[in-house]
Amino acid sequence: SADPTVAFSALVKVGSSVHPITSIAEFNNRLYIGKTNGLYYVEPGTDFAYPALTSNEEANANNCAGMKVWKGFLYFRMLTSLYRLHPSHTVSEV
């Protein structure tokens, strides 16, 4: 059976519907949602998606595609840059 580390029971709007979802990952007890315009997160017990790193000017179909948790960090890309999200929730370019 699946490990239910993150569970949600309500509909959560994640940014604008103009920008489709490209990936979803659980990291550090948050649900991260990658979209064509950036990265959002939802904390358990809330019904709101917060932007972690977004840019409508740099929206691209490949943004956040292939987002992965690896060796204690969440990796994702925006255009030609690769980013690493730290457990402290800070973002750095790799």
C-alpha atoms as a PDB file:
ATOM      1  CA  SER A   1       0.000   0.000   0.000  1.00  0.00           C
ATOM      2  CA  ALA A   2       1.044   3.613  -0.532  1.00  0.00           C
ATOM      3  CA  ASP A   3       2.553   5.668   2.266  1.00  0.00           C
ATOM      4  CA  PRO A   4      -0.026   8.410   3.031  1.00  0.00           C
ATOM      5  CA  THR A   5       2.505  11.049   4.128  1.00  0.00           C
ATOM      6  CA  VAL A   6       0.528  13.880   2.542  1.00  0.00           C
ATOM      7  CA  ALA A   7      -3.252  13.743   2.356  1.00  0.00           C
ATOM      8  CA  PHE A   8      -5.717  16.365   1.176  1.00  0.00           C
ATOM      9  CA  SER A   9      -9.480  16.263   1.265  1.00  0.00           C
ATOM     10  CA  ALA A  10     -10.426  19.549  -0.389  1.00  0.00           C
ATOM     11  CA  LEU A  11     -10.109  21.110  -3.820  1.00  0.00           C
ATOM     12  CA  VAL A  12      -7.092  23.422  -3.981  1.00  0.00           C
ATOM     13  CA  LYS A  13      -6.727  26.015  -6.738  1.00  0.00           C
ATOM     14  CA  VAL A  14      -3.114  26.204  -7.909  1.00  0.00           C
ATOM     15  CA  GLY A  15      -2.443  29.493  -9.657  1.00  0.00           C
ATOM     16  CA  SER A  16      -4.120  30.366 -12.930  1.00  0.00           C
ATOM     17  CA  SER A  17      -5.842  27.715 -15.013  1.00  0.00           C
ATOM     18  CA  VAL A  18      -4.051  29.242 -18.035  1.00  0.00           C
ATOM     19  CA  HIS A  19      -0.862  27.453 -16.893  1.00  0.00           C
ATOM     20  CA  PRO A  20      -1.221  23.647 -16.872  1.00  0.00           C
ATOM     21  CA  ILE A  21       0.341  21.347 -14.278  1.00  0.00           C
ATOM     22  CA  THR A  22       3.532  19.644 -15.460  1.00  0.00           C
ATOM     23  CA  SER A  23       4.508  17.666 -12.333  1.00  0.00           C
ATOM     24  CA  ILE A  24       3.620  16.864  -8.719  1.00  0.00           C
ATOM     25  CA  ALA A  25       5.900  15.724  -5.872  1.00  0.00           C
ATOM     26  CA  GLU A  26       5.782  15.392  -2.095  1.00  0.00           C
ATOM     27  CA  PHE A  27       8.786  16.954  -0.351  1.00  0.00           C
ATOM     28  CA  ASN A  28       9.397  17.822   3.279  1.00  0.00           C
ATOM     29  CA  ASN A  29       5.730  17.324   4.249  1.00  0.00           C
ATOM     30  CA  ARG A  30       4.460  19.642   1.510  1.00  0.00           C
ATOM     31  CA  LEU A  31       2.849  18.900  -1.824  1.00  0.00           C
ATOM     32  CA  TYR A  32       4.729  20.682  -4.637  1.00  0.00           C
ATOM     33  CA  ILE A  33       2.990  21.340  -7.928  1.00  0.00           C
ATOM     34  CA  GLY A  34       5.000  22.274 -10.991  1.00  0.00           C
ATOM     35  CA  LYS A  35       3.228  24.317 -13.639  1.00  0.00           C
ATOM     36  CA  THR A  36       4.297  25.906 -16.896  1.00  0.00           C
ATOM     37  CA  ASN A  37       4.832  29.198 -15.037  1.00  0.00           C
ATOM     38  CA  GLY A  38       6.634  27.850 -11.955  1.00  0.00           C
ATOM     39  CA  LEU A  39       6.495  25.956  -8.696  1.00  0.00           C
ATOM     40  CA  TYR A  40       3.732  26.084  -6.060  1.00  0.00           C
ATOM     41  CA  TYR A  41       3.231  24.264  -2.757  1.00  0.00           C
ATOM     42  CA  VAL A  42       0.381  23.276  -0.477  1.00  0.00           C
ATOM     43  CA  GLU A  43       0.822  22.537   3.218  1.00  0.00           C
ATOM     44  CA  PRO A  44      -1.309  19.851   4.874  1.00  0.00           C
ATOM     45  CA  GLY A  45      -4.351  21.336   6.567  1.00  0.00           C
ATOM     46  CA  THR A  46      -4.542  24.311   4.208  1.00  0.00           C
ATOM     47  CA  ASP A  47      -6.603  24.874   1.084  1.00  0.00           C
ATOM     48  CA  PHE A  48      -4.342  27.366  -0.677  1.00  0.00           C
ATOM     49  CA  ALA A  49      -1.381  26.917  -3.052  1.00  0.00           C
ATOM     50  CA  TYR A  50       1.502  29.273  -2.352  1.00  0.00           C
ATOM     51  CA  PRO A  51       4.009  30.256  -5.071  1.00  0.00           C
ATOM     52  CA  ALA A  52       7.545  29.020  -4.374  1.00  0.00           C
ATOM     53  CA  LEU A  53       9.100  30.320  -7.608  1.00  0.00           C
ATOM     54  CA  THR A  54       6.968  31.617 -10.467  1.00  0.00           C
ATOM     55  CA  SER A  55       7.281  33.790 -13.560  1.00  0.00           C
ATOM     56  CA  ASN A  56       4.480  34.378 -16.038  1.00  0.00           C
ATOM     57  CA  GLU A  57       7.021  35.990 -18.388  1.00  0.00           C
ATOM     58  CA  GLU A  58       9.036  32.751 -18.492  1.00  0.00           C
ATOM     59  CA  ALA A  59       6.130  30.319 -18.818  1.00  0.00           C
ATOM     60  CA  ASN A  60       7.150  27.266 -20.814  1.00  0.00           C
ATOM     61  CA  ALA A  61       5.651  23.818 -21.375  1.00  0.00           C
ATOM     62  CA  ASN A  62       8.866  22.203 -20.056  1.00  0.00           C
ATOM     63  CA  ASN A  63       9.038  24.156 -16.787  1.00  0.00           C
ATOM     64  CA  CYS A  64       9.086  21.794 -13.779  1.00  0.00           C
ATOM     65  CA  ALA A  65       8.659  18.743 -16.038  1.00  0.00           C
ATOM     66  CA  GLY A  66      10.635  15.859 -14.588  1.00  0.00           C
ATOM     67  CA  MET A  67      10.706  17.395 -11.097  1.00  0.00           C
ATOM     68  CA  LYS A  68      12.366  14.914  -8.707  1.00  0.00           C
ATOM     69  CA  VAL A  69      13.258  14.470  -5.060  1.00  0.00           C
ATOM     70  CA  TRP A  70      16.868  13.288  -4.913  1.00  0.00           C
ATOM     71  CA  LYS A  71      19.352  13.052  -2.046  1.00  0.00           C
ATOM     72  CA  GLY A  72      17.289  15.238   0.270  1.00  0.00           C
ATOM     73  CA  PHE A  73      16.471  18.028  -2.189  1.00  0.00           C
ATOM     74  CA  LEU A  74      13.731  18.765  -4.724  1.00  0.00           C
ATOM     75  CA  TYR A  75      15.122  19.483  -8.188  1.00  0.00           C
ATOM     76  CA  PHE A  76      13.177  21.282 -10.911  1.00  0.00           C
ATOM     77  CA  ARG A  77      13.886  23.369 -13.967  1.00  0.00           C
ATOM     78  CA  MET A  78      12.676  26.696 -15.281  1.00  0.00           C
ATOM     79  CA  LEU A  79      13.585  27.382 -18.919  1.00  0.00           C
ATOM     80  CA  THR A  80      17.324  26.625 -19.153  1.00  0.00           C
ATOM     81  CA  SER A  81      18.088  26.737 -15.408  1.00  0.00           C
ATOM     82  CA  LEU A  82      18.054  23.892 -12.896  1.00  0.00           C
ATOM     83  CA  TYR A  83      16.977  24.720  -9.332  1.00  0.00           C
ATOM     84  CA  ARG A  84      17.349  22.910  -6.011  1.00  0.00           C
ATOM     85  CA  LEU A  85      14.815  23.365  -3.226  1.00  0.00           C
ATOM     86  CA  HIS A  86      16.398  22.825   0.188  1.00  0.00           C
ATOM     87  CA  PRO A  87      14.602  21.283   3.198  1.00  0.00           C
ATOM     88  CA  SER A  88      14.633  24.809   4.692  1.00  0.00           C
ATOM     89  CA  HIS A  89      12.399  25.810   1.719  1.00  0.00           C
ATOM     90  CA  THR A  90      15.036  28.080   0.151  1.00  0.00           C
ATOM     91  CA  VAL A  91      15.727  27.808  -3.574  1.00  0.00           C
ATOM     92  CA  SER A  92      19.150  27.939  -5.199  1.00  0.00           C
ATOM     93  CA  GLU A  93      20.216  27.658  -8.813  1.00  0.00           C
ATOM     94  CA  VAL A  94      22.394  24.616  -9.504  1.00  0.00           C
END
